[in-house]
Amino acid sequence: MENILPLISYGHIDYGENKVQEAIDKWTEIKKDKSDLKIHMIGKLQTNKVKQAVKLFDYIHSLDSIKLAKKISLEQNRIQKDIKMFIQINIGNEIQKSGIEIEELNNFYNTCVNDLNLNIIGLMCLPPANIDPSVCFEKMENLAKEMSLKELSMGMSSDYLTAMKFKTSYLRIGSKIFGKRN
């Protein structure tokens, strides 16, 4: 926490978190005093954590299933909050990773927007470690254009410079700034 306070004082407002409980512990009190801060859920969101997540987060970058979308929609409606969301794409078709398959993207997007009234602003991906990330980032840039989505959440500490070439909007570079997690 002591590493973040100087950044907040400097005026940085966007912060990503991987885990709901850690985010609640870290940001609940700070957000009371600094309402302009924007907290982003960038890790996998489990459906049993949706109620807590919707209350705290301003963005969710990991929308990856209809079940999760329905839960978020219900909770948002209940507390009258509009969260900006990214659909997570399984860009490398990896079995161990979450995300929507590209072939399912249009139907998923339409369900989220038209049936569940979710505020989908963009797409997110985590490219496979064993290939050139530019291949995935280019696919993502093209998908976003095709869908008229303006935002992309892609690029981490190891590949953020490449992601910037493909018009990413949000980078996840915590370990470059704060060092590796314990």
N, C-alpha and C. Protein backbone atom coordinates (compact mmCIF):
# COMPACT_ATOMS: atom_id res chain seq x y z
N MET A 1 0.82 -1.20 0.00
CA MET A 1 0.00 0.00 0.00
C MET A 1 0.86 1.26 0.00
N GLU A 2 1.97 1.20 0.72
CA GLU A 2 2.83 2.39 0.80
C GLU A 2 3.42 2.76 -0.56
N ASN A 3 3.49 1.79 -1.49
CA ASN A 3 3.98 2.08 -2.84
C ASN A 3 2.96 2.85 -3.68
N ILE A 4 1.68 2.68 -3.35
CA ILE A 4 0.61 3.28 -4.15
C ILE A 4 0.33 4.72 -3.74
N LEU A 5 0.45 5.03 -2.48
CA LEU A 5 0.11 6.38 -1.99
C LEU A 5 0.86 7.50 -2.72
N PRO A 6 2.16 7.36 -3.02
CA PRO A 6 2.82 8.43 -3.78
C PRO A 6 2.22 8.61 -5.18
N LEU A 7 1.82 7.51 -5.81
CA LEU A 7 1.19 7.61 -7.13
C LEU A 7 -0.15 8.33 -7.06
N ILE A 8 -0.92 8.03 -6.03
CA ILE A 8 -2.20 8.70 -5.83
C ILE A 8 -1.97 10.19 -5.61
N SER A 9 -1.00 10.53 -4.78
CA SER A 9 -0.68 11.94 -4.53
C SER A 9 -0.23 12.65 -5.80
N TYR A 10 0.44 11.93 -6.66
CA TYR A 10 0.91 12.49 -7.93
C TYR A 10 -0.25 12.74 -8.90
N GLY A 11 -1.37 12.04 -8.70
CA GLY A 11 -2.54 12.25 -9.53
C GLY A 11 -2.93 11.07 -10.41
N HIS A 12 -2.25 9.96 -10.27
CA HIS A 12 -2.62 8.77 -11.06
C HIS A 12 -3.95 8.25 -10.53
N ILE A 13 -4.89 7.91 -11.43
CA ILE A 13 -6.22 7.51 -10.94
C ILE A 13 -6.63 6.08 -11.27
N ASP A 14 -5.98 5.41 -12.21
CA ASP A 14 -6.39 4.06 -12.61
C ASP A 14 -5.48 3.00 -12.00
N TYR A 15 -6.10 2.01 -11.33
CA TYR A 15 -5.35 0.95 -10.66
C TYR A 15 -6.03 -0.39 -10.91
N GLY A 16 -5.24 -1.40 -11.23
CA GLY A 16 -5.77 -2.73 -11.48
C GLY A 16 -5.53 -3.66 -10.31
N GLU A 17 -6.45 -4.57 -10.13
CA GLU A 17 -6.34 -5.59 -9.09
C GLU A 17 -6.73 -6.95 -9.66
N ASN A 18 -6.05 -7.99 -9.17
CA ASN A 18 -6.33 -9.36 -9.60
C ASN A 18 -7.31 -10.10 -8.71
N LYS A 19 -7.39 -9.68 -7.46
CA LYS A 19 -8.21 -10.42 -6.49
C LYS A 19 -9.17 -9.48 -5.77
N VAL A 20 -10.41 -9.91 -5.69
CA VAL A 20 -11.46 -9.08 -5.11
C VAL A 20 -11.17 -8.74 -3.65
N GLN A 21 -10.85 -9.74 -2.84
CA GLN A 21 -10.66 -9.47 -1.41
C GLN A 21 -9.48 -8.54 -1.15
N GLU A 22 -8.38 -8.74 -1.88
CA GLU A 22 -7.24 -7.83 -1.73
C GLU A 22 -7.64 -6.41 -2.10
N ALA A 23 -8.42 -6.28 -3.15
CA ALA A 23 -8.86 -4.95 -3.61
C ALA A 23 -9.74 -4.29 -2.56
N ILE A 24 -10.65 -5.05 -1.97
CA ILE A 24 -11.53 -4.50 -0.94
C ILE A 24 -10.69 -4.00 0.24
N ASP A 25 -9.75 -4.83 0.68
CA ASP A 25 -8.90 -4.45 1.80
C ASP A 25 -8.08 -3.20 1.48
N LYS A 26 -7.61 -3.09 0.27
CA LYS A 26 -6.71 -2.01 -0.12
C LYS A 26 -7.45 -0.71 -0.45
N TRP A 27 -8.59 -0.79 -1.12
CA TRP A 27 -9.19 0.40 -1.73
C TRP A 27 -10.44 0.95 -1.07
N THR A 28 -11.12 0.20 -0.24
CA THR A 28 -12.39 0.67 0.31
C THR A 28 -12.26 2.01 1.02
N GLU A 29 -11.33 2.12 1.92
CA GLU A 29 -11.16 3.38 2.67
C GLU A 29 -10.60 4.49 1.79
N ILE A 30 -9.64 4.15 0.95
CA ILE A 30 -9.02 5.16 0.09
C ILE A 30 -10.04 5.79 -0.85
N LYS A 31 -10.93 4.96 -1.41
CA LYS A 31 -11.94 5.47 -2.35
C LYS A 31 -12.94 6.41 -1.67
N LYS A 32 -13.12 6.27 -0.37
CA LYS A 32 -14.01 7.18 0.34
C LYS A 32 -13.49 8.61 0.26
N ASP A 33 -12.17 8.77 0.35
CA ASP A 33 -11.54 10.09 0.29
C ASP A 33 -11.20 10.52 -1.13
N LYS A 34 -10.98 9.56 -1.99
CA LYS A 34 -10.55 9.85 -3.37
C LYS A 34 -11.55 9.22 -4.34
N SER A 35 -12.69 9.86 -4.48
CA SER A 35 -13.76 9.28 -5.30
C SER A 35 -13.45 9.27 -6.80
N ASP A 36 -12.42 10.01 -7.21
CA ASP A 36 -12.06 10.02 -8.63
C ASP A 36 -11.22 8.81 -9.04
N LEU A 37 -10.75 8.02 -8.08
CA LEU A 37 -9.97 6.83 -8.42
C LEU A 37 -10.83 5.83 -9.17
N LYS A 38 -10.22 5.16 -10.14
CA LYS A 38 -10.89 4.13 -10.92
C LYS A 38 -10.17 2.81 -10.67
N ILE A 39 -10.91 1.85 -10.12
CA ILE A 39 -10.33 0.56 -9.79
C ILE A 39 -10.81 -0.46 -10.82
N HIS A 40 -9.85 -1.18 -11.38
CA HIS A 40 -10.09 -2.12 -12.47
C HIS A 40 -9.89 -3.55 -11.99
N MET A 41 -10.88 -4.39 -12.19
CA MET A 41 -10.74 -5.83 -11.92
C MET A 41 -10.12 -6.44 -13.16
N ILE A 42 -8.86 -6.86 -13.06
CA ILE A 42 -8.18 -7.41 -14.23
C ILE A 42 -7.98 -8.92 -14.12
N GLY A 43 -8.22 -9.48 -12.94
CA GLY A 43 -8.09 -10.92 -12.76
C GLY A 43 -9.41 -11.63 -13.03
N LYS A 44 -9.35 -12.93 -12.98
CA LYS A 44 -10.56 -13.75 -13.16
C LYS A 44 -11.55 -13.42 -12.05
N LEU A 45 -12.78 -13.13 -12.44
CA LEU A 45 -13.83 -12.83 -11.47
C LEU A 45 -14.73 -14.04 -11.31
N GLN A 46 -14.79 -14.57 -10.10
CA GLN A 46 -15.66 -15.70 -9.81
C GLN A 46 -17.06 -15.17 -9.51
N THR A 47 -18.06 -15.94 -9.90
CA THR A 47 -19.44 -15.48 -9.72
C THR A 47 -19.80 -15.25 -8.26
N ASN A 48 -19.18 -16.00 -7.34
CA ASN A 48 -19.49 -15.80 -5.92
C ASN A 48 -18.90 -14.50 -5.36
N LYS A 49 -18.10 -13.80 -6.13
CA LYS A 49 -17.50 -12.53 -5.69
C LYS A 49 -18.13 -11.32 -6.40
N VAL A 50 -19.13 -11.55 -7.22
CA VAL A 50 -19.71 -10.48 -8.03
C VAL A 50 -20.29 -9.36 -7.17
N LYS A 51 -21.02 -9.70 -6.14
CA LYS A 51 -21.66 -8.69 -5.29
C LYS A 51 -20.62 -7.71 -4.74
N GLN A 52 -19.53 -8.24 -4.23
CA GLN A 52 -18.45 -7.40 -3.69
C GLN A 52 -17.76 -6.62 -4.81
N ALA A 53 -17.53 -7.28 -5.93
CA ALA A 53 -16.81 -6.66 -7.05
C ALA A 53 -17.59 -5.48 -7.63
N VAL A 54 -18.88 -5.67 -7.84
CA VAL A 54 -19.68 -4.60 -8.42
C VAL A 54 -19.70 -3.37 -7.51
N LYS A 55 -19.70 -3.61 -6.25
CA LYS A 55 -19.71 -2.50 -5.28
C LYS A 55 -18.42 -1.67 -5.37
N LEU A 56 -17.28 -2.32 -5.56
CA LEU A 56 -15.99 -1.62 -5.51
C LEU A 56 -15.46 -1.17 -6.87
N PHE A 57 -15.51 -2.05 -7.85
CA PHE A 57 -14.81 -1.80 -9.11
C PHE A 57 -15.59 -0.86 -10.04
N ASP A 58 -14.81 -0.12 -10.82
CA ASP A 58 -15.36 0.77 -11.85
C ASP A 58 -15.28 0.12 -13.23
N TYR A 59 -14.35 -0.80 -13.37
CA TYR A 59 -14.13 -1.52 -14.62
C TYR A 59 -13.94 -3.00 -14.31
N ILE A 60 -14.42 -3.85 -15.19
CA ILE A 60 -14.14 -5.28 -15.14
C ILE A 60 -13.57 -5.66 -16.50
N HIS A 61 -12.34 -6.16 -16.49
CA HIS A 61 -11.65 -6.49 -17.73
C HIS A 61 -11.79 -7.97 -18.09
N SER A 62 -12.44 -8.75 -17.28
CA SER A 62 -12.40 -10.21 -17.45
C SER A 62 -13.79 -10.85 -17.55
N LEU A 63 -14.69 -10.21 -18.28
CA LEU A 63 -16.02 -10.79 -18.50
C LEU A 63 -15.85 -11.96 -19.48
N ASP A 64 -16.14 -13.17 -19.00
CA ASP A 64 -15.78 -14.34 -19.80
C ASP A 64 -16.85 -15.43 -19.89
N SER A 65 -18.07 -15.15 -19.41
CA SER A 65 -19.13 -16.16 -19.51
C SER A 65 -20.50 -15.51 -19.35
N ILE A 66 -21.50 -16.17 -19.88
CA ILE A 66 -22.88 -15.69 -19.73
C ILE A 66 -23.30 -15.74 -18.26
N LYS A 67 -22.90 -16.78 -17.57
CA LYS A 67 -23.24 -16.89 -16.14
C LYS A 67 -22.73 -15.67 -15.38
N LEU A 68 -21.49 -15.29 -15.62
CA LEU A 68 -20.91 -14.11 -14.96
C LEU A 68 -21.63 -12.84 -15.40
N ALA A 69 -21.90 -12.73 -16.68
CA ALA A 69 -22.59 -11.55 -17.21
C ALA A 69 -23.96 -11.36 -16.55
N LYS A 70 -24.70 -12.44 -16.41
CA LYS A 70 -26.02 -12.37 -15.77
C LYS A 70 -25.92 -11.91 -14.32
N LYS A 71 -24.96 -12.47 -13.60
CA LYS A 71 -24.78 -12.08 -12.19
C LYS A 71 -24.42 -10.60 -12.06
N ILE A 72 -23.51 -10.15 -12.92
CA ILE A 72 -23.11 -8.74 -12.88
C ILE A 72 -24.30 -7.85 -13.21
N SER A 73 -25.06 -8.22 -14.21
CA SER A 73 -26.23 -7.43 -14.61
C SER A 73 -27.22 -7.31 -13.45
N LEU A 74 -27.51 -8.41 -12.79
CA LEU A 74 -28.45 -8.38 -11.66
C LEU A 74 -27.94 -7.47 -10.55
N GLU A 75 -26.66 -7.60 -10.22
CA GLU A 75 -26.10 -6.82 -9.12
C GLU A 75 -26.02 -5.33 -9.48
N GLN A 76 -25.64 -5.03 -10.71
CA GLN A 76 -25.59 -3.63 -11.14
C GLN A 76 -26.97 -2.99 -11.05
N ASN A 77 -27.97 -3.71 -11.50
CA ASN A 77 -29.34 -3.19 -11.43
C ASN A 77 -29.77 -2.99 -9.99
N ARG A 78 -29.40 -3.93 -9.13
CA ARG A 78 -29.79 -3.86 -7.73
C ARG A 78 -29.23 -2.60 -7.05
N ILE A 79 -27.96 -2.27 -7.32
CA ILE A 79 -27.36 -1.13 -6.63
C ILE A 79 -27.27 0.12 -7.53
N GLN A 80 -27.83 0.03 -8.73
CA GLN A 80 -27.85 1.18 -9.65
C GLN A 80 -26.45 1.71 -9.94
N LYS A 81 -25.60 0.82 -10.43
CA LYS A 81 -24.23 1.20 -10.78
C LYS A 81 -23.92 0.71 -12.18
N ASP A 82 -23.21 1.52 -12.94
CA ASP A 82 -22.86 1.18 -14.32
C ASP A 82 -21.35 0.97 -14.40
N ILE A 83 -20.95 -0.28 -14.55
CA ILE A 83 -19.53 -0.62 -14.64
C ILE A 83 -19.15 -0.76 -16.10
N LYS A 84 -17.99 -0.25 -16.44
CA LYS A 84 -17.46 -0.40 -17.79
C LYS A 84 -16.78 -1.78 -17.86
N MET A 85 -17.06 -2.50 -18.96
CA MET A 85 -16.57 -3.87 -19.05
C MET A 85 -15.88 -4.18 -20.36
N PHE A 86 -14.95 -5.13 -20.23
CA PHE A 86 -14.24 -5.68 -21.37
C PHE A 86 -14.59 -7.16 -21.46
N ILE A 87 -14.84 -7.63 -22.66
CA ILE A 87 -15.03 -9.06 -22.88
C ILE A 87 -13.65 -9.68 -23.03
N GLN A 88 -13.37 -10.68 -22.22
CA GLN A 88 -12.09 -11.38 -22.33
C GLN A 88 -12.18 -12.40 -23.45
N ILE A 89 -11.25 -12.30 -24.40
CA ILE A 89 -11.18 -13.20 -25.54
C ILE A 89 -10.08 -14.23 -25.28
N ASN A 90 -10.39 -15.49 -25.50
CA ASN A 90 -9.37 -16.54 -25.43
C ASN A 90 -8.67 -16.55 -26.78
N ILE A 91 -7.80 -15.58 -26.98
CA ILE A 91 -7.20 -15.29 -28.28
C ILE A 91 -6.31 -16.42 -28.79
N GLY A 92 -5.75 -17.22 -27.89
CA GLY A 92 -4.88 -18.31 -28.31
C GLY A 92 -5.55 -19.67 -28.25
N ASN A 93 -6.87 -19.69 -28.01
CA ASN A 93 -7.62 -20.94 -27.89
C ASN A 93 -6.93 -21.92 -26.93
N GLU A 94 -6.53 -21.40 -25.77
CA GLU A 94 -5.83 -22.22 -24.78
C GLU A 94 -6.84 -22.79 -23.78
N ILE A 95 -6.76 -24.08 -23.56
CA ILE A 95 -7.73 -24.72 -22.67
C ILE A 95 -7.61 -24.21 -21.23
N GLN A 96 -6.42 -23.86 -20.81
CA GLN A 96 -6.21 -23.44 -19.42
C GLN A 96 -6.60 -21.99 -19.18
N LYS A 97 -6.93 -21.24 -20.24
CA LYS A 97 -7.27 -19.83 -20.06
C LYS A 97 -8.76 -19.59 -20.24
N SER A 98 -9.24 -18.60 -19.51
CA SER A 98 -10.63 -18.18 -19.64
C SER A 98 -10.79 -17.31 -20.86
N GLY A 99 -12.02 -17.07 -21.21
CA GLY A 99 -12.31 -16.15 -22.29
C GLY A 99 -13.28 -16.73 -23.29
N ILE A 100 -13.86 -15.83 -24.04
CA ILE A 100 -14.82 -16.18 -25.08
C ILE A 100 -14.04 -16.57 -26.34
N GLU A 101 -14.49 -17.59 -27.00
CA GLU A 101 -13.90 -17.96 -28.30
C GLU A 101 -14.32 -16.91 -29.32
N ILE A 102 -13.44 -16.63 -30.27
CA ILE A 102 -13.72 -15.60 -31.28
C ILE A 102 -15.03 -15.88 -32.01
N GLU A 103 -15.30 -17.15 -32.30
CA GLU A 103 -16.53 -17.51 -33.03
C GLU A 103 -17.80 -17.18 -32.24
N GLU A 104 -17.69 -17.11 -30.92
CA GLU A 104 -18.84 -16.85 -30.05
C GLU A 104 -18.98 -15.37 -29.70
N LEU A 105 -18.02 -14.56 -30.12
CA LEU A 105 -17.94 -13.18 -29.66
C LEU A 105 -19.18 -12.35 -30.01
N ASN A 106 -19.62 -12.37 -31.24
CA ASN A 106 -20.77 -11.53 -31.63
C ASN A 106 -22.03 -11.89 -30.84
N ASN A 107 -22.31 -13.18 -30.71
CA ASN A 107 -23.50 -13.58 -29.94
C ASN A 107 -23.37 -13.20 -28.48
N PHE A 108 -22.19 -13.40 -27.92
CA PHE A 108 -21.96 -13.05 -26.52
C PHE A 108 -22.13 -11.54 -26.32
N TYR A 109 -21.50 -10.77 -27.17
CA TYR A 109 -21.60 -9.31 -27.09
C TYR A 109 -23.06 -8.86 -27.17
N ASN A 110 -23.80 -9.37 -28.15
CA ASN A 110 -25.20 -8.97 -28.33
C ASN A 110 -26.05 -9.34 -27.12
N THR A 111 -25.81 -10.50 -26.54
CA THR A 111 -26.54 -10.89 -25.33
C THR A 111 -26.23 -9.93 -24.19
N CYS A 112 -24.95 -9.64 -24.02
CA CYS A 112 -24.53 -8.75 -22.92
C CYS A 112 -25.13 -7.36 -23.06
N VAL A 113 -25.11 -6.83 -24.26
CA VAL A 113 -25.56 -5.45 -24.48
C VAL A 113 -27.09 -5.37 -24.57
N ASN A 114 -27.68 -6.22 -25.37
CA ASN A 114 -29.12 -6.11 -25.65
C ASN A 114 -30.00 -6.75 -24.59
N ASP A 115 -29.60 -7.90 -24.08
CA ASP A 115 -30.44 -8.61 -23.11
C ASP A 115 -30.10 -8.26 -21.66
N LEU A 116 -28.82 -8.03 -21.38
CA LEU A 116 -28.39 -7.81 -20.00
C LEU A 116 -28.05 -6.35 -19.70
N ASN A 117 -28.09 -5.51 -20.73
CA ASN A 117 -27.84 -4.07 -20.58
C ASN A 117 -26.49 -3.77 -19.92
N LEU A 118 -25.46 -4.51 -20.32
CA LEU A 118 -24.12 -4.28 -19.79
C LEU A 118 -23.39 -3.25 -20.66
N ASN A 119 -22.54 -2.49 -20.04
CA ASN A 119 -21.77 -1.44 -20.72
C ASN A 119 -20.44 -2.03 -21.19
N ILE A 120 -20.47 -2.66 -22.35
CA ILE A 120 -19.26 -3.27 -22.92
C ILE A 120 -18.53 -2.19 -23.69
N ILE A 121 -17.31 -1.87 -23.23
CA ILE A 121 -16.54 -0.81 -23.89
C ILE A 121 -15.39 -1.33 -24.72
N GLY A 122 -15.03 -2.62 -24.53
CA GLY A 122 -13.89 -3.12 -25.28
C GLY A 122 -13.63 -4.60 -25.08
N LEU A 123 -12.46 -5.00 -25.54
CA LEU A 123 -12.03 -6.39 -25.50
C LEU A 123 -10.71 -6.51 -24.75
N MET A 124 -10.50 -7.66 -24.13
CA MET A 124 -9.27 -7.93 -23.38
C MET A 124 -8.73 -9.29 -23.78
N CYS A 125 -7.39 -9.42 -23.78
CA CYS A 125 -6.78 -10.73 -24.03
C CYS A 125 -5.49 -10.90 -23.25
N LEU A 126 -5.12 -12.14 -23.08
CA LEU A 126 -3.83 -12.55 -22.53
C LEU A 126 -3.22 -13.50 -23.56
N PRO A 127 -2.27 -13.04 -24.36
CA PRO A 127 -1.73 -13.90 -25.41
C PRO A 127 -0.96 -15.09 -24.84
N PRO A 128 -0.90 -16.18 -25.61
CA PRO A 128 -0.10 -17.33 -25.18
C PRO A 128 1.37 -16.92 -25.03
N ALA A 129 2.04 -17.54 -24.08
CA ALA A 129 3.44 -17.20 -23.80
C ALA A 129 4.38 -17.65 -24.91
N ASN A 130 3.98 -18.66 -25.67
CA ASN A 130 4.90 -19.26 -26.62
C ASN A 130 4.82 -18.70 -28.05
N ILE A 131 4.06 -17.61 -28.26
CA ILE A 131 4.00 -17.03 -29.61
C ILE A 131 4.24 -15.53 -29.55
N ASP A 132 4.51 -14.96 -30.70
CA ASP A 132 4.71 -13.51 -30.81
C ASP A 132 3.40 -12.81 -30.46
N PRO A 133 3.38 -11.99 -29.41
CA PRO A 133 2.13 -11.35 -29.00
C PRO A 133 1.54 -10.43 -30.07
N SER A 134 2.35 -9.94 -30.98
CA SER A 134 1.82 -9.03 -32.00
C SER A 134 0.76 -9.71 -32.86
N VAL A 135 0.87 -11.01 -33.06
CA VAL A 135 -0.14 -11.76 -33.82
C VAL A 135 -1.50 -11.64 -33.12
N CYS A 136 -1.49 -11.84 -31.81
CA CYS A 136 -2.73 -11.76 -31.02
C CYS A 136 -3.24 -10.32 -30.93
N PHE A 137 -2.34 -9.38 -30.72
CA PHE A 137 -2.74 -7.98 -30.58
C PHE A 137 -3.34 -7.45 -31.88
N GLU A 138 -2.80 -7.88 -33.00
CA GLU A 138 -3.36 -7.45 -34.29
C GLU A 138 -4.77 -8.01 -34.47
N LYS A 139 -4.97 -9.29 -34.09
CA LYS A 139 -6.32 -9.89 -34.15
C LYS A 139 -7.28 -9.10 -33.28
N MET A 140 -6.84 -8.75 -32.09
CA MET A 140 -7.69 -8.00 -31.16
C MET A 140 -8.04 -6.63 -31.72
N GLU A 141 -7.06 -5.94 -32.27
CA GLU A 141 -7.31 -4.63 -32.86
C GLU A 141 -8.36 -4.74 -33.97
N ASN A 142 -8.25 -5.76 -34.81
CA ASN A 142 -9.21 -5.96 -35.90
C ASN A 142 -10.60 -6.31 -35.37
N LEU A 143 -10.66 -7.18 -34.35
CA LEU A 143 -11.96 -7.53 -33.76
C LEU A 143 -12.65 -6.30 -33.19
N ALA A 144 -11.90 -5.48 -32.48
CA ALA A 144 -12.47 -4.27 -31.88
C ALA A 144 -13.00 -3.34 -32.97
N LYS A 145 -12.26 -3.18 -34.05
CA LYS A 145 -12.72 -2.34 -35.17
C LYS A 145 -14.00 -2.89 -35.77
N GLU A 146 -14.02 -4.19 -36.02
CA GLU A 146 -15.21 -4.84 -36.60
C GLU A 146 -16.45 -4.62 -35.74
N MET A 147 -16.26 -4.58 -34.44
CA MET A 147 -17.38 -4.45 -33.51
C MET A 147 -17.63 -3.01 -33.08
N SER A 148 -16.85 -2.09 -33.63
CA SER A 148 -16.95 -0.67 -33.27
C SER A 148 -16.72 -0.42 -31.78
N LEU A 149 -15.81 -1.19 -31.20
CA LEU A 149 -15.44 -0.99 -29.80
C LEU A 149 -14.14 -0.19 -29.78
N LYS A 150 -14.11 0.82 -28.94
CA LYS A 150 -12.98 1.75 -28.93
C LYS A 150 -11.84 1.35 -28.01
N GLU A 151 -12.09 0.48 -27.06
CA GLU A 151 -11.10 0.20 -26.03
C GLU A 151 -10.53 -1.22 -26.15
N LEU A 152 -9.23 -1.33 -25.85
CA LEU A 152 -8.56 -2.62 -25.80
C LEU A 152 -7.75 -2.69 -24.50
N SER A 153 -7.86 -3.81 -23.82
CA SER A 153 -7.09 -4.06 -22.60
C SER A 153 -6.15 -5.21 -22.93
N MET A 154 -4.92 -4.86 -23.25
CA MET A 154 -3.94 -5.89 -23.61
C MET A 154 -2.55 -5.31 -23.45
N GLY A 155 -1.64 -6.18 -23.09
CA GLY A 155 -0.28 -5.77 -22.85
C GLY A 155 0.03 -5.79 -21.37
N MET A 156 1.07 -6.52 -21.05
CA MET A 156 1.53 -6.62 -19.66
C MET A 156 2.98 -6.19 -19.59
N SER A 157 3.60 -6.33 -18.45
CA SER A 157 4.97 -5.85 -18.26
C SER A 157 5.93 -6.40 -19.32
N SER A 158 5.70 -7.62 -19.78
CA SER A 158 6.61 -8.24 -20.73
C SER A 158 6.35 -7.86 -22.19
N ASP A 159 5.15 -7.37 -22.50
CA ASP A 159 4.83 -7.12 -23.92
C ASP A 159 4.06 -5.80 -24.16
N TYR A 160 4.12 -4.90 -23.21
CA TYR A 160 3.33 -3.67 -23.34
C TYR A 160 3.77 -2.79 -24.50
N LEU A 161 5.05 -2.77 -24.83
CA LEU A 161 5.51 -1.95 -25.95
C LEU A 161 4.91 -2.46 -27.26
N THR A 162 4.82 -3.77 -27.40
CA THR A 162 4.19 -4.36 -28.58
C THR A 162 2.70 -4.03 -28.61
N ALA A 163 2.03 -4.14 -27.47
CA ALA A 163 0.59 -3.85 -27.39
C ALA A 163 0.30 -2.40 -27.79
N MET A 164 1.18 -1.50 -27.45
CA MET A 164 0.97 -0.09 -27.79
C MET A 164 0.94 0.13 -29.30
N LYS A 165 1.65 -0.70 -30.05
CA LYS A 165 1.65 -0.58 -31.52
C LYS A 165 0.28 -0.93 -32.11
N PHE A 166 -0.53 -1.66 -31.33
CA PHE A 166 -1.84 -2.09 -31.80
C PHE A 166 -2.97 -1.38 -31.06
N LYS A 167 -2.70 -0.16 -30.65
CA LYS A 167 -3.70 0.76 -30.10
C LYS A 167 -4.38 0.27 -28.83
N THR A 168 -3.62 -0.36 -27.94
CA THR A 168 -4.21 -0.73 -26.67
C THR A 168 -4.58 0.53 -25.89
N SER A 169 -5.62 0.45 -25.11
CA SER A 169 -6.06 1.57 -24.28
C SER A 169 -5.59 1.42 -22.84
N TYR A 170 -5.54 0.17 -22.38
CA TYR A 170 -5.20 -0.13 -21.00
C TYR A 170 -4.10 -1.18 -20.96
N LEU A 171 -3.05 -0.87 -20.23
CA LEU A 171 -1.92 -1.78 -20.04
C LEU A 171 -1.91 -2.28 -18.61
N ARG A 172 -1.48 -3.51 -18.42
CA ARG A 172 -1.37 -4.09 -17.09
C ARG A 172 0.12 -4.26 -16.79
N ILE A 173 0.71 -3.22 -16.22
CA ILE A 173 2.17 -3.22 -16.05
C ILE A 173 2.59 -3.04 -14.58
N GLY A 174 1.84 -3.65 -13.70
CA GLY A 174 2.13 -3.51 -12.27
C GLY A 174 3.52 -3.96 -11.87
N SER A 175 3.98 -5.08 -12.39
CA SER A 175 5.30 -5.56 -11.95
C SER A 175 6.43 -4.68 -12.49
N LYS A 176 6.22 -3.98 -13.58
CA LYS A 176 7.23 -3.02 -14.07
C LYS A 176 7.31 -1.81 -13.14
N ILE A 177 6.21 -1.47 -12.52
CA ILE A 177 6.16 -0.30 -11.64
C ILE A 177 6.50 -0.69 -10.19
N PHE A 178 5.85 -1.75 -9.70
CA PHE A 178 5.95 -2.10 -8.29
C PHE A 178 6.87 -3.28 -8.00
N GLY A 179 7.33 -3.97 -9.03
CA GLY A 179 8.13 -5.19 -8.84
C GLY A 179 7.23 -6.41 -8.77
N LYS A 180 7.83 -7.57 -8.76
CA LYS A 180 7.07 -8.82 -8.72
C LYS A 180 6.32 -8.95 -7.40
N ARG A 181 5.16 -9.62 -7.48
CA ARG A 181 4.36 -9.88 -6.28
C ARG A 181 5.06 -10.91 -5.41
N ASN A 182 4.84 -10.81 -4.11
CA ASN A 182 5.39 -11.82 -3.20
C ASN A 182 4.61 -13.11 -3.29
